[in-house]
PDB file of N, CA and C in Angstrom:
ATOM      1  N   MET A   1       9.914 -25.146  43.756  1.00  0.00           N
ATOM      2  CA  MET A   1      10.256 -24.135  42.778  1.00  0.00           C
ATOM      3  C   MET A   1      10.644 -22.834  43.471  1.00  0.00           C
ATOM      4  N   LYS A   2       9.987 -22.554  44.619  1.00  0.00           N
ATOM      5  CA  LYS A   2      10.311 -21.334  45.359  1.00  0.00           C
ATOM      6  C   LYS A   2      11.761 -21.358  45.829  1.00  0.00           C
ATOM      7  N   ILE A   3      12.238 -22.533  46.208  1.00  0.00           N
ATOM      8  CA  ILE A   3      13.606 -22.661  46.701  1.00  0.00           C
ATOM      9  C   ILE A   3      14.593 -22.382  45.572  1.00  0.00           C
ATOM     10  N   ILE A   4      14.332 -22.938  44.401  1.00  0.00           N
ATOM     11  CA  ILE A   4      15.218 -22.714  43.262  1.00  0.00           C
ATOM     12  C   ILE A   4      15.235 -21.232  42.905  1.00  0.00           C
ATOM     13  N   SER A   5      14.055 -20.618  42.864  1.00  0.00           N
ATOM     14  CA  SER A   5      13.988 -19.185  42.574  1.00  0.00           C
ATOM     15  C   SER A   5      14.743 -18.381  43.620  1.00  0.00           C
ATOM     16  N   GLY A   6      14.623 -18.777  44.877  1.00  0.00           N
ATOM     17  CA  GLY A   6      15.330 -18.091  45.956  1.00  0.00           C
ATOM     18  C   GLY A   6      16.835 -18.214  45.817  1.00  0.00           C
ATOM     19  N   LEU A   7      17.312 -19.414  45.458  1.00  0.00           N
ATOM     20  CA  LEU A   7      18.750 -19.601  45.274  1.00  0.00           C
ATOM     21  C   LEU A   7      19.275 -18.795  44.093  1.00  0.00           C
ATOM     22  N   ILE A   8      18.497 -18.759  43.033  1.00  0.00           N
ATOM     23  CA  ILE A   8      18.913 -17.962  41.878  1.00  0.00           C
ATOM     24  C   ILE A   8      18.943 -16.493  42.253  1.00  0.00           C
ATOM     25  N   LEU A   9      17.922 -16.027  42.982  1.00  0.00           N
ATOM     26  CA  LEU A   9      17.890 -14.634  43.425  1.00  0.00           C
ATOM     27  C   LEU A   9      19.073 -14.340  44.345  1.00  0.00           C
ATOM     28  N   LEU A  10      19.388 -15.261  45.247  1.00  0.00           N
ATOM     29  CA  LEU A  10      20.535 -15.102  46.140  1.00  0.00           C
ATOM     30  C   LEU A  10      21.831 -14.967  45.341  1.00  0.00           C
ATOM     31  N   THR A  11      21.976 -15.806  44.332  1.00  0.00           N
ATOM     32  CA  THR A  11      23.166 -15.756  43.487  1.00  0.00           C
ATOM     33  C   THR A  11      23.260 -14.433  42.754  1.00  0.00           C
ATOM     34  N   MET A  12      22.153 -14.007  42.177  1.00  0.00           N
ATOM     35  CA  MET A  12      22.159 -12.757  41.424  1.00  0.00           C
ATOM     36  C   MET A  12      22.436 -11.565  42.342  1.00  0.00           C
ATOM     37  N   THR A  13      21.883 -11.589  43.548  1.00  0.00           N
ATOM     38  CA  THR A  13      22.129 -10.518  44.513  1.00  0.00           C
ATOM     39  C   THR A  13      23.600 -10.468  44.893  1.00  0.00           C
ATOM     40  N   ALA A  14      24.177 -11.631  45.150  1.00  0.00           N
ATOM     41  CA  ALA A  14      25.593 -11.685  45.520  1.00  0.00           C
ATOM     42  C   ALA A  14      26.475 -11.192  44.378  1.00  0.00           C
ATOM     43  N   LEU A  15      26.126 -11.541  43.160  1.00  0.00           N
ATOM     44  CA  LEU A  15      26.907 -11.081  42.017  1.00  0.00           C
ATOM     45  C   LEU A  15      26.784  -9.577  41.836  1.00  0.00           C
ATOM     46  N   ALA A  16      25.598  -9.051  42.073  1.00  0.00           N
ATOM     47  CA  ALA A  16      25.387  -7.610  41.920  1.00  0.00           C
ATOM     48  C   ALA A  16      26.144  -6.822  42.983  1.00  0.00           C
ATOM     49  N   GLU A  17      26.220  -7.366  44.194  1.00  0.00           N
ATOM     50  CA  GLU A  17      26.917  -6.680  45.282  1.00  0.00           C
ATOM     51  C   GLU A  17      28.423  -6.718  45.093  1.00  0.00           C
ATOM     52  N   GLY A  18      28.921  -7.760  44.439  1.00  0.00           N
ATOM     53  CA  GLY A  18      30.366  -7.902  44.268  1.00  0.00           C
ATOM     54  C   GLY A  18      30.998  -8.370  45.561  1.00  0.00           C
ATOM     55  N   PRO A  19      32.293  -8.648  45.534  1.00  0.00           N
ATOM     56  CA  PRO A  19      32.964  -9.161  46.725  1.00  0.00           C
ATOM     57  C   PRO A  19      33.138  -8.083  47.780  1.00  0.00           C
ATOM     58  N   SER A  20      32.989  -8.489  49.028  1.00  0.00           N
ATOM     59  CA  SER A  20      33.232  -7.551  50.122  1.00  0.00           C
ATOM     60  C   SER A  20      34.717  -7.579  50.448  1.00  0.00           C
ATOM     61  N   GLY A  21      35.153  -6.639  51.250  1.00  0.00           N
ATOM     62  CA  GLY A  21      36.569  -6.539  51.583  1.00  0.00           C
ATOM     63  C   GLY A  21      37.085  -7.713  52.374  1.00  0.00           C
ATOM     64  N   THR A  22      36.194  -8.478  53.014  1.00  0.00           N
ATOM     65  CA  THR A  22      36.642  -9.585  53.838  1.00  0.00           C
ATOM     66  C   THR A  22      36.605 -10.917  53.107  1.00  0.00           C
ATOM     67  N   ASP A  23      36.054 -10.950  51.886  1.00  0.00           N
ATOM     68  CA  ASP A  23      35.984 -12.202  51.146  1.00  0.00           C
ATOM     69  C   ASP A  23      37.368 -12.658  50.720  1.00  0.00           C
ATOM     70  N   GLU A  24      37.580 -13.959  50.814  1.00  0.00           N
ATOM     71  CA  GLU A  24      38.803 -14.533  50.293  1.00  0.00           C
ATOM     72  C   GLU A  24      38.646 -14.676  48.782  1.00  0.00           C
ATOM     73  N   ALA A  25      39.746 -14.827  48.101  1.00  0.00           N
ATOM     74  CA  ALA A  25      39.695 -15.043  46.661  1.00  0.00           C
ATOM     75  C   ALA A  25      39.037 -16.383  46.369  1.00  0.00           C
ATOM     76  N   LYS A  26      38.325 -16.439  45.262  1.00  0.00           N
ATOM     77  CA  LYS A  26      37.670 -17.683  44.856  1.00  0.00           C
ATOM     78  C   LYS A  26      38.753 -18.706  44.522  1.00  0.00           C
ATOM     79  N   PRO A  27      38.654 -19.928  45.072  1.00  0.00           N
ATOM     80  CA  PRO A  27      39.652 -20.955  44.769  1.00  0.00           C
ATOM     81  C   PRO A  27      39.767 -21.202  43.265  1.00  0.00           C
ATOM     82  N   LEU A  28      40.961 -21.495  42.815  1.00  0.00           N
ATOM     83  CA  LEU A  28      41.243 -21.651  41.397  1.00  0.00           C
ATOM     84  C   LEU A  28      40.346 -22.686  40.727  1.00  0.00           C
ATOM     85  N   VAL A  29      40.092 -23.793  41.411  1.00  0.00           N
ATOM     86  CA  VAL A  29      39.337 -24.890  40.806  1.00  0.00           C
ATOM     87  C   VAL A  29      37.885 -24.499  40.503  1.00  0.00           C
ATOM     88  N   ILE A  30      37.356 -23.462  41.152  1.00  0.00           N
ATOM     89  CA  ILE A  30      35.976 -23.053  40.905  1.00  0.00           C
ATOM     90  C   ILE A  30      35.883 -21.644  40.309  1.00  0.00           C
ATOM     91  N   GLN A  31      36.980 -21.141  39.752  1.00  0.00           N
ATOM     92  CA  GLN A  31      36.933 -19.858  39.065  1.00  0.00           C
ATOM     93  C   GLN A  31      35.913 -19.932  37.944  1.00  0.00           C
ATOM     94  N   ASP A  32      35.278 -18.811  37.639  1.00  0.00           N
ATOM     95  CA  ASP A  32      34.275 -18.774  36.578  1.00  0.00           C
ATOM     96  C   ASP A  32      34.906 -19.137  35.234  1.00  0.00           C
ATOM     97  N   GLY A  33      34.118 -19.772  34.383  1.00  0.00           N
ATOM     98  CA  GLY A  33      34.594 -20.108  33.042  1.00  0.00           C
ATOM     99  C   GLY A  33      34.693 -21.601  32.813  1.00  0.00           C
ATOM    100  N   GLU A  34      35.364 -21.962  31.753  1.00  0.00           N
ATOM    101  CA  GLU A  34      35.470 -23.354  31.315  1.00  0.00           C
ATOM    102  C   GLU A  34      36.072 -24.297  32.366  1.00  0.00           C
ATOM    103  N   PRO A  35      37.147 -23.923  33.088  1.00  0.00           N
ATOM    104  CA  PRO A  35      37.677 -24.849  34.096  1.00  0.00           C
ATOM    105  C   PRO A  35      36.649 -25.201  35.177  1.00  0.00           C
ATOM    106  N   ALA A  36      35.897 -24.214  35.638  1.00  0.00           N
ATOM    107  CA  ALA A  36      34.882 -24.483  36.660  1.00  0.00           C
ATOM    108  C   ALA A  36      33.765 -25.356  36.105  1.00  0.00           C
ATOM    109  N   GLN A  37      33.344 -25.089  34.877  1.00  0.00           N
ATOM    110  CA  GLN A  37      32.285 -25.902  34.268  1.00  0.00           C
ATOM    111  C   GLN A  37      32.724 -27.355  34.138  1.00  0.00           C
ATOM    112  N   SER A  38      33.947 -27.573  33.686  1.00  0.00           N
ATOM    113  CA  SER A  38      34.466 -28.935  33.558  1.00  0.00           C
ATOM    114  C   SER A  38      34.557 -29.623  34.919  1.00  0.00           C
ATOM    115  N   TYR A  39      35.035 -28.879  35.920  1.00  0.00           N
ATOM    116  CA  TYR A  39      35.166 -29.427  37.273  1.00  0.00           C
ATOM    117  C   TYR A  39      33.797 -29.817  37.831  1.00  0.00           C
ATOM    118  N   ILE A  40      32.817 -28.915  37.693  1.00  0.00           N
ATOM    119  CA  ILE A  40      31.462 -29.186  38.185  1.00  0.00           C
ATOM    120  C   ILE A  40      30.889 -30.415  37.500  1.00  0.00           C
ATOM    121  N   GLN A  41      30.998 -30.482  36.178  1.00  0.00           N
ATOM    122  CA  GLN A  41      30.435 -31.608  35.439  1.00  0.00           C
ATOM    123  C   GLN A  41      31.094 -32.928  35.832  1.00  0.00           C
ATOM    124  N   ALA A  42      32.404 -32.923  35.972  1.00  0.00           N
ATOM    125  CA  ALA A  42      33.114 -34.153  36.350  1.00  0.00           C
ATOM    126  C   ALA A  42      32.735 -34.608  37.753  1.00  0.00           C
ATOM    127  N   GLN A  43      32.698 -33.682  38.704  1.00  0.00           N
ATOM    128  CA  GLN A  43      32.379 -34.037  40.084  1.00  0.00           C
ATOM    129  C   GLN A  43      30.926 -34.485  40.239  1.00  0.00           C
ATOM    130  N   LEU A  44      30.016 -33.809  39.549  1.00  0.00           N
ATOM    131  CA  LEU A  44      28.601 -34.184  39.637  1.00  0.00           C
ATOM    132  C   LEU A  44      28.357 -35.528  38.963  1.00  0.00           C
ATOM    133  N   SER A  45      28.995 -35.778  37.839  1.00  0.00           N
ATOM    134  CA  SER A  45      28.877 -37.068  37.167  1.00  0.00           C
ATOM    135  C   SER A  45      29.381 -38.187  38.070  1.00  0.00           C
ATOM    136  N   GLU A  46      30.507 -37.941  38.731  1.00  0.00           N
ATOM    137  CA  GLU A  46      31.050 -38.922  39.686  1.00  0.00           C
ATOM    138  C   GLU A  46      30.061 -39.160  40.835  1.00  0.00           C
ATOM    139  N   HIS A  47      29.482 -38.085  41.350  1.00  0.00           N
ATOM    140  CA  HIS A  47      28.506 -38.178  42.441  1.00  0.00           C
ATOM    141  C   HIS A  47      27.290 -39.007  42.019  1.00  0.00           C
ATOM    142  N   LEU A  48      26.906 -38.911  40.759  1.00  0.00           N
ATOM    143  CA  LEU A  48      25.746 -39.641  40.238  1.00  0.00           C
ATOM    144  C   LEU A  48      26.126 -41.028  39.718  1.00  0.00           C
ATOM    145  N   ASN A  49      27.321 -41.485  40.036  1.00  0.00           N
ATOM    146  CA  ASN A  49      27.829 -42.798  39.619  1.00  0.00           C
ATOM    147  C   ASN A  49      27.975 -42.907  38.106  1.00  0.00           C
ATOM    148  N   LYS A  50      28.440 -41.846  37.482  1.00  0.00           N
ATOM    149  CA  LYS A  50      28.752 -41.798  36.050  1.00  0.00           C
ATOM    150  C   LYS A  50      27.635 -42.390  35.182  1.00  0.00           C
ATOM    151  N   PRO A  51      26.493 -41.718  35.136  1.00  0.00           N
ATOM    152  CA  PRO A  51      25.394 -42.241  34.309  1.00  0.00           C
ATOM    153  C   PRO A  51      25.781 -42.242  32.829  1.00  0.00           C
ATOM    154  N   ALA A  52      25.144 -43.130  32.063  1.00  0.00           N
ATOM    155  CA  ALA A  52      25.426 -43.223  30.632  1.00  0.00           C
ATOM    156  C   ALA A  52      25.098 -41.915  29.917  1.00  0.00           C
ATOM    157  N   PHE A  53      24.027 -41.269  30.330  1.00  0.00           N
ATOM    158  CA  PHE A  53      23.673 -39.961  29.766  1.00  0.00           C
ATOM    159  C   PHE A  53      23.726 -38.921  30.881  1.00  0.00           C
ATOM    160  N   PHE A  54      24.431 -37.832  30.613  1.00  0.00           N
ATOM    161  CA  PHE A  54      24.548 -36.748  31.582  1.00  0.00           C
ATOM    162  C   PHE A  54      24.729 -35.440  30.821  1.00  0.00           C
ATOM    163  N   SER A  55      23.844 -34.479  31.078  1.00  0.00           N
ATOM    164  CA  SER A  55      23.921 -33.200  30.372  1.00  0.00           C
ATOM    165  C   SER A  55      23.551 -32.066  31.326  1.00  0.00           C
ATOM    166  N   VAL A  56      24.481 -31.149  31.536  1.00  0.00           N
ATOM    167  CA  VAL A  56      24.216 -29.975  32.366  1.00  0.00           C
ATOM    168  C   VAL A  56      23.511 -28.945  31.501  1.00  0.00           C
ATOM    169  N   ILE A  57      22.393 -28.429  32.013  1.00  0.00           N
ATOM    170  CA  ILE A  57      21.604 -27.443  31.284  1.00  0.00           C
ATOM    171  C   ILE A  57      21.994 -26.034  31.705  1.00  0.00           C
ATOM    172  N   ALA A  58      22.143 -25.842  33.003  1.00  0.00           N
ATOM    173  CA  ALA A  58      22.466 -24.515  33.522  1.00  0.00           C
ATOM    174  C   ALA A  58      23.197 -24.655  34.841  1.00  0.00           C
ATOM    175  N   GLU A  59      24.069 -23.683  35.097  1.00  0.00           N
ATOM    176  CA  GLU A  59      24.763 -23.646  36.385  1.00  0.00           C
ATOM    177  C   GLU A  59      25.048 -22.195  36.732  1.00  0.00           C
ATOM    178  N   THR A  60      24.940 -21.902  38.002  1.00  0.00           N
ATOM    179  CA  THR A  60      25.248 -20.553  38.451  1.00  0.00           C
ATOM    180  C   THR A  60      26.733 -20.484  38.804  1.00  0.00           C
ATOM    181  N   PRO A  61      27.308 -19.302  38.783  1.00  0.00           N
ATOM    182  CA  PRO A  61      28.686 -19.181  39.272  1.00  0.00           C
ATOM    183  C   PRO A  61      28.716 -19.470  40.779  1.00  0.00           C
ATOM    184  N   PHE A  62      29.862 -19.876  41.293  1.00  0.00           N
ATOM    185  CA  PHE A  62      30.006 -20.072  42.731  1.00  0.00           C
ATOM    186  C   PHE A  62      29.998 -18.709  43.420  1.00  0.00           C
ATOM    187  N   VAL A  63      29.234 -18.608  44.501  1.00  0.00           N
ATOM    188  CA  VAL A  63      29.215 -17.391  45.314  1.00  0.00           C
ATOM    189  C   VAL A  63      29.559 -17.769  46.750  1.00  0.00           C
ATOM    190  N   ALA A  64      30.246 -16.885  47.436  1.00  0.00           N
ATOM    191  CA  ALA A  64      30.651 -17.140  48.821  1.00  0.00           C
ATOM    192  C   ALA A  64      29.474 -16.886  49.752  1.00  0.00           C
ATOM    193  N   GLU A  65      29.230 -17.817  50.653  1.00  0.00           N
ATOM    194  CA  GLU A  65      28.167 -17.691  51.643  1.00  0.00           C
ATOM    195  C   GLU A  65      28.624 -18.305  52.957  1.00  0.00           C
ATOM    196  N   GLN A  66      28.205 -17.698  54.041  1.00  0.00           N
ATOM    197  CA  GLN A  66      28.458 -18.242  55.372  1.00  0.00           C
ATOM    198  C   GLN A  66      27.321 -19.194  55.700  1.00  0.00           C
ATOM    199  N   VAL A  67      27.627 -20.452  55.964  1.00  0.00           N
ATOM    200  CA  VAL A  67      26.628 -21.456  56.342  1.00  0.00           C
ATOM    201  C   VAL A  67      27.025 -21.956  57.713  1.00  0.00           C
ATOM    202  N   GLY A  68      26.260 -21.567  58.713  1.00  0.00           N
ATOM    203  CA  GLY A  68      26.647 -21.881  60.087  1.00  0.00           C
ATOM    204  C   GLY A  68      27.928 -21.147  60.414  1.00  0.00           C
ATOM    205  N   SER A  69      28.920 -21.868  60.870  1.00  0.00           N
ATOM    206  CA  SER A  69      30.201 -21.246  61.224  1.00  0.00           C
ATOM    207  C   SER A  69      31.247 -21.365  60.106  1.00  0.00           C
ATOM    208  N   LYS A  70      30.855 -21.950  58.976  1.00  0.00           N
ATOM    209  CA  LYS A  70      31.809 -22.168  57.886  1.00  0.00           C
ATOM    210  C   LYS A  70      31.482 -21.315  56.672  1.00  0.00           C
ATOM    211  N   LYS A  71      32.525 -20.914  55.975  1.00  0.00           N
ATOM    212  CA  LYS A  71      32.354 -20.194  54.725  1.00  0.00           C
ATOM    213  C   LYS A  71      32.431 -21.200  53.583  1.00  0.00           C
ATOM    214  N   TYR A  72      31.398 -21.226  52.754  1.00  0.00           N
ATOM    215  CA  TYR A  72      31.342 -22.106  51.602  1.00  0.00           C
ATOM    216  C   TYR A  72      31.239 -21.284  50.332  1.00  0.00           C
ATOM    217  N   TRP A  73      31.579 -21.916  49.227  1.00  0.00           N
ATOM    218  CA  TRP A  73      31.287 -21.388  47.902  1.00  0.00           C
ATOM    219  C   TRP A  73      30.156 -22.267  47.382  1.00  0.00           C
ATOM    220  N   ILE A  74      29.065 -21.641  46.954  1.00  0.00           N
ATOM    221  CA  ILE A  74      27.856 -22.370  46.603  1.00  0.00           C
ATOM    222  C   ILE A  74      27.473 -22.108  45.150  1.00  0.00           C
ATOM    223  N   ALA A  75      27.068 -23.180  44.440  1.00  0.00           N
ATOM    224  CA  ALA A  75      26.569 -23.070  43.070  1.00  0.00           C
ATOM    225  C   ALA A  75      25.338 -23.962  42.924  1.00  0.00           C
ATOM    226  N   LEU A  76      24.478 -23.601  42.012  1.00  0.00           N
ATOM    227  CA  LEU A  76      23.278 -24.371  41.697  1.00  0.00           C
ATOM    228  C   LEU A  76      23.432 -24.925  40.288  1.00  0.00           C
ATOM    229  N   VAL A  77      23.159 -26.229  40.111  1.00  0.00           N
ATOM    230  CA  VAL A  77      23.318 -26.878  38.813  1.00  0.00           C
ATOM    231  C   VAL A  77      22.022 -27.598  38.450  1.00  0.00           C
ATOM    232  N   GLU A  78      21.576 -27.383  37.214  1.00  0.00           N
ATOM    233  CA  GLU A  78      20.402 -28.081  36.682  1.00  0.00           C
ATOM    234  C   GLU A  78      20.881 -28.998  35.563  1.00  0.00           C
ATOM    235  N   TYR A  79      20.384 -30.234  35.525  1.00  0.00           N
ATOM    236  CA  TYR A  79      20.911 -31.219  34.585  1.00  0.00           C
ATOM    237  C   TYR A  79      19.906 -32.319  34.308  1.00  0.00           C
ATOM    238  N   PHE A  80      20.208 -33.131  33.290  1.00  0.00           N
ATOM    239  CA  PHE A  80      19.484 -34.362  32.992  1.00  0.00           C
ATOM    240  C   PHE A  80      20.482 -35.510  33.072  1.00  0.00           C
ATOM    241  N   PHE A  81      20.014 -36.674  33.562  1.00  0.00           N
ATOM    242  CA  PHE A  81      20.892 -37.843  33.661  1.00  0.00           C
ATOM    243  C   PHE A  81      20.056 -39.108  33.595  1.00  0.00           C
ATOM    244  N   GLY A  82      20.685 -40.197  33.206  1.00  0.00           N
ATOM    245  CA  GLY A  82      19.985 -41.472  33.161  1.00  0.00           C
ATOM    246  C   GLY A  82      20.691 -42.467  32.269  1.00  0.00           C
ATOM    247  N   PRO A  83      20.028 -43.609  32.027  1.00  0.00           N
ATOM    248  CA  PRO A  83      20.633 -44.645  31.200  1.00  0.00           C
ATOM    249  C   PRO A  83      20.716 -44.258  29.717  1.00  0.00           C
ATOM    250  N   SER A  84      19.857 -43.316  29.281  1.00  0.00           N
ATOM    251  CA  SER A  84      19.886 -42.832  27.899  1.00  0.00           C
ATOM    252  C   SER A  84      19.199 -41.474  27.844  1.00  0.00           C
ATOM    253  N   LYS A  85      19.355 -40.800  26.728  1.00  0.00           N
ATOM    254  CA  LYS A  85      18.714 -39.494  26.564  1.00  0.00           C
ATOM    255  C   LYS A  85      17.193 -39.630  26.608  1.00  0.00           C
ATOM    256  N   GLN A  86      16.678 -40.724  26.079  1.00  0.00           N
ATOM    257  CA  GLN A  86      15.240 -40.950  26.058  1.00  0.00           C
ATOM    258  C   GLN A  86      14.678 -41.248  27.453  1.00  0.00           C
ATOM    259  N   GLU A  87      15.494 -41.761  28.347  1.00  0.00           N
ATOM    260  CA  GLU A  87      15.052 -42.126  29.699  1.00  0.00           C
ATOM    261  C   GLU A  87      15.652 -41.219  30.765  1.00  0.00           C
ATOM    262  N   ALA A  88      16.040 -40.024  30.381  1.00  0.00           N
ATOM    263  CA  ALA A  88      16.720 -39.119  31.308  1.00  0.00           C
ATOM    264  C   ALA A  88      15.765 -38.532  32.340  1.00  0.00           C
ATOM    265  N   LEU A  89      16.294 -38.344  33.525  1.00  0.00           N
ATOM    266  CA  LEU A  89      15.584 -37.693  34.621  1.00  0.00           C
ATOM    267  C   LEU A  89      16.143 -36.287  34.806  1.00  0.00           C
ATOM    268  N   HIS A  90      15.310 -35.400  35.295  1.00  0.00           N
ATOM    269  CA  HIS A  90      15.717 -34.018  35.557  1.00  0.00           C
ATOM    270  C   HIS A  90      16.228 -33.920  36.989  1.00  0.00           C
ATOM    271  N   GLY A  91      17.311 -33.178  37.184  1.00  0.00           N
ATOM    272  CA  GLY A  91      17.851 -32.995  38.525  1.00  0.00           C
ATOM    273  C   GLY A  91      18.320 -31.571  38.750  1.00  0.00           C
ATOM    274  N   VAL A  92      18.242 -31.151  40.002  1.00  0.00           N
ATOM    275  CA  VAL A  92      18.781 -29.866  40.432  1.00  0.00           C
ATOM    276  C   VAL A  92      19.568 -30.135  41.703  1.00  0.00           C
ATOM    277  N   THR A  93      20.805 -29.678  41.736  1.00  0.00           N
ATOM    278  CA  THR A  93      21.679 -29.922  42.875  1.00  0.00           C
ATOM    279  C   THR A  93      22.385 -28.640  43.287  1.00  0.00           C
ATOM    280  N   VAL A  94      22.524 -28.468  44.580  1.00  0.00           N
ATOM    281  CA  VAL A  94      23.329 -27.381  45.125  1.00  0.00           C
ATOM    282  C   VAL A  94      24.688 -27.984  45.469  1.00  0.00           C
ATOM    283  N   ILE A  95      25.749 -27.337  44.992  1.00  0.00           N
ATOM    284  CA  ILE A  95      27.100 -27.793  45.299  1.00  0.00           C
ATOM    285  C   ILE A  95      27.707 -26.822  46.302  1.00  0.00           C
ATOM    286  N   LEU A  96      28.179 -27.367  47.414  1.00  0.00           N
ATOM    287  CA  LEU A  96      28.869 -26.569  48.422  1.00  0.00           C
ATOM    288  C   LEU A  96      30.340 -26.959  48.401  1.00  0.00           C
ATOM    289  N   PHE A  97      31.206 -25.990  48.194  1.00  0.00           N
ATOM    290  CA  PHE A  97      32.648 -26.213  48.159  1.00  0.00           C
ATOM    291  C   PHE A  97      33.244 -25.574  49.402  1.00  0.00           C
ATOM    292  N   TYR A  98      33.885 -26.380  50.247  1.00  0.00           N
ATOM    293  CA  TYR A  98      34.515 -25.884  51.470  1.00  0.00           C
ATOM    294  C   TYR A  98      35.996 -25.682  51.178  1.00  0.00           C
ATOM    295  N   PRO A  99      36.451 -24.425  51.067  1.00  0.00           N
ATOM    296  CA  PRO A  99      37.827 -24.165  50.620  1.00  0.00           C
ATOM    297  C   PRO A  99      38.916 -24.633  51.577  1.00  0.00           C
ATOM    298  N   ALA A 100      38.626 -24.734  52.857  1.00  0.00           N
ATOM    299  CA  ALA A 100      39.661 -25.147  53.813  1.00  0.00           C
ATOM    300  C   ALA A 100      40.154 -26.565  53.535  1.00  0.00           C
ATOM    301  N   THR A 101      39.262 -27.425  53.028  1.00  0.00           N
ATOM    302  CA  THR A 101      39.630 -28.816  52.771  1.00  0.00           C
ATOM    303  C   THR A 101      39.432 -29.222  51.308  1.00  0.00           C
ATOM    304  N   SER A 102      38.935 -28.310  50.479  1.00  0.00           N
ATOM    305  CA  SER A 102      38.563 -28.578  49.082  1.00  0.00           C
ATOM    306  C   SER A 102      37.504 -29.671  48.992  1.00  0.00           C
ATOM    307  N   GLU A 103      36.701 -29.799  50.037  1.00  0.00           N
ATOM    308  CA  GLU A 103      35.642 -30.802  50.102  1.00  0.00           C
ATOM    309  C   GLU A 103      34.395 -30.288  49.391  1.00  0.00           C
ATOM    310  N   LEU A 104      33.765 -31.175  48.627  1.00  0.00           N
ATOM    311  CA  LEU A 104      32.497 -30.864  47.972  1.00  0.00           C
ATOM    312  C   LEU A 104      31.364 -31.587  48.672  1.00  0.00           C
ATOM    313  N   GLN A 105      30.231 -30.919  48.782  1.00  0.00           N
ATOM    314  CA  GLN A 105      29.008 -31.544  49.266  1.00  0.00           C
ATOM    315  C   GLN A 105      27.930 -31.289  48.236  1.00  0.00           C
ATOM    316  N   PHE A 106      27.083 -32.276  48.009  1.00  0.00           N
ATOM    317  CA  PHE A 106      25.982 -32.154  47.076  1.00  0.00           C
ATOM    318  C   PHE A 106      24.687 -32.249  47.867  1.00  0.00           C
ATOM    319  N   MET A 107      23.789 -31.307  47.638  1.00  0.00           N
ATOM    320  CA  MET A 107      22.512 -31.300  48.351  1.00  0.00           C
ATOM    321  C   MET A 107      21.407 -30.892  47.387  1.00  0.00           C
ATOM    322  N   THR A 108      20.214 -31.378  47.656  1.00  0.00           N
ATOM    323  CA  THR A 108      19.078 -30.859  46.912  1.00  0.00           C
ATOM    324  C   THR A 108      18.745 -29.488  47.496  1.00  0.00           C
ATOM    325  N   PRO A 109      18.103 -28.625  46.737  1.00  0.00           N
ATOM    326  CA  PRO A 109      17.707 -27.326  47.296  1.00  0.00           C
ATOM    327  C   PRO A 109      16.842 -27.469  48.551  1.00  0.00           C
ATOM    328  N   VAL A 110      15.989 -28.482  48.583  1.00  0.00           N
ATOM    329  CA  VAL A 110      15.127 -28.709  49.751  1.00  0.00           C
ATOM    330  C   VAL A 110      15.974 -29.076  50.971  1.00  0.00           C
ATOM    331  N   ASN A 111      16.957 -29.965  50.792  1.00  0.00           N
ATOM    332  CA  ASN A 111      17.820 -30.357  51.917  1.00  0.00           C
ATOM    333  C   ASN A 111      18.649 -29.183  52.422  1.00  0.00           C
ATOM    334  N   LEU A 112      19.104 -28.318  51.516  1.00  0.00           N
ATOM    335  CA  LEU A 112      19.848 -27.132  51.931  1.00  0.00           C
ATOM    336  C   LEU A 112      18.959 -26.207  52.751  1.00  0.00           C
ATOM    337  N   ALA A 113      17.727 -26.001  52.297  1.00  0.00           N
ATOM    338  CA  ALA A 113      16.796 -25.147  53.044  1.00  0.00           C
ATOM    339  C   ALA A 113      16.520 -25.724  54.439  1.00  0.00           C
ATOM    340  N   ARG A 114      16.346 -27.049  54.522  1.00  0.00           N
ATOM    341  CA  ARG A 114      16.124 -27.700  55.828  1.00  0.00           C
ATOM    342  C   ARG A 114      17.334 -27.518  56.740  1.00  0.00           C
ATOM    343  N   ALA A 115      18.524 -27.698  56.184  1.00  0.00           N
ATOM    344  CA  ALA A 115      19.743 -27.558  56.992  1.00  0.00           C
ATOM    345  C   ALA A 115      19.867 -26.132  57.504  1.00  0.00           C
ATOM    346  N   LEU A 116      19.577 -25.158  56.677  1.00  0.00           N
ATOM    347  CA  LEU A 116      19.649 -23.760  57.101  1.00  0.00           C
ATOM    348  C   LEU A 116      18.589 -23.451  58.155  1.00  0.00           C
ATOM    349  N   ASN A 117      17.391 -23.995  57.983  1.00  0.00           N
ATOM    350  CA  ASN A 117      16.328 -23.787  58.983  1.00  0.00           C
ATOM    351  C   ASN A 117      16.705 -24.433  60.313  1.00  0.00           C
ATOM    352  N   ASP A 118      17.334 -25.615  60.269  1.00  0.00           N
ATOM    353  CA  ASP A 118      17.760 -26.282  61.500  1.00  0.00           C
ATOM    354  C   ASP A 118      18.818 -25.476  62.240  1.00  0.00           C
ATOM    355  N   MET A 119      19.694 -24.797  61.502  1.00  0.00           N
ATOM    356  CA  MET A 119      20.730 -23.965  62.122  1.00  0.00           C
ATOM    357  C   MET A 119      20.120 -22.743  62.805  1.00  0.00           C
ATOM    358  N   GLU A 120      19.052 -22.216  62.213  1.00  0.00           N
ATOM    359  CA  GLU A 120      18.420 -21.022  62.766  1.00  0.00           C
ATOM    360  C   GLU A 120      17.574 -21.341  63.996  1.00  0.00           C
ATOM    361  N   ALA A 121      17.103 -22.570  64.077  1.00  0.00           N
ATOM    362  CA  ALA A 121      16.222 -22.958  65.199  1.00  0.00           C
ATOM    363  C   ALA A 121      16.977 -23.146  66.484  1.00  0.00           C
TER     364      ALA A 121
END
């Protein structure tokens, strides 16, 4: 839970600071609003092998972050998925969008924290 709170705080801090002069423009596919929500839902559903039931509860806007030597756009998504609404499981996923290749990576908040700790070590 601390990791999720930290990611939300990171997102809110980045939004409050606004873009710096060196930030690139946010890629069109992840612009805030309905297109980004549709893109996130479609990509996450595909990643989860298109479950019969899939419902996004909350998602943060994408924020630019430097991870290691690469600049990513990062968002946090909370959702339910499963064979039916009655048998749905809760999930939280961090989506990393690498603009140079338009590649998406999906990680749990715990795996992201481990990867960041490994880079610092």
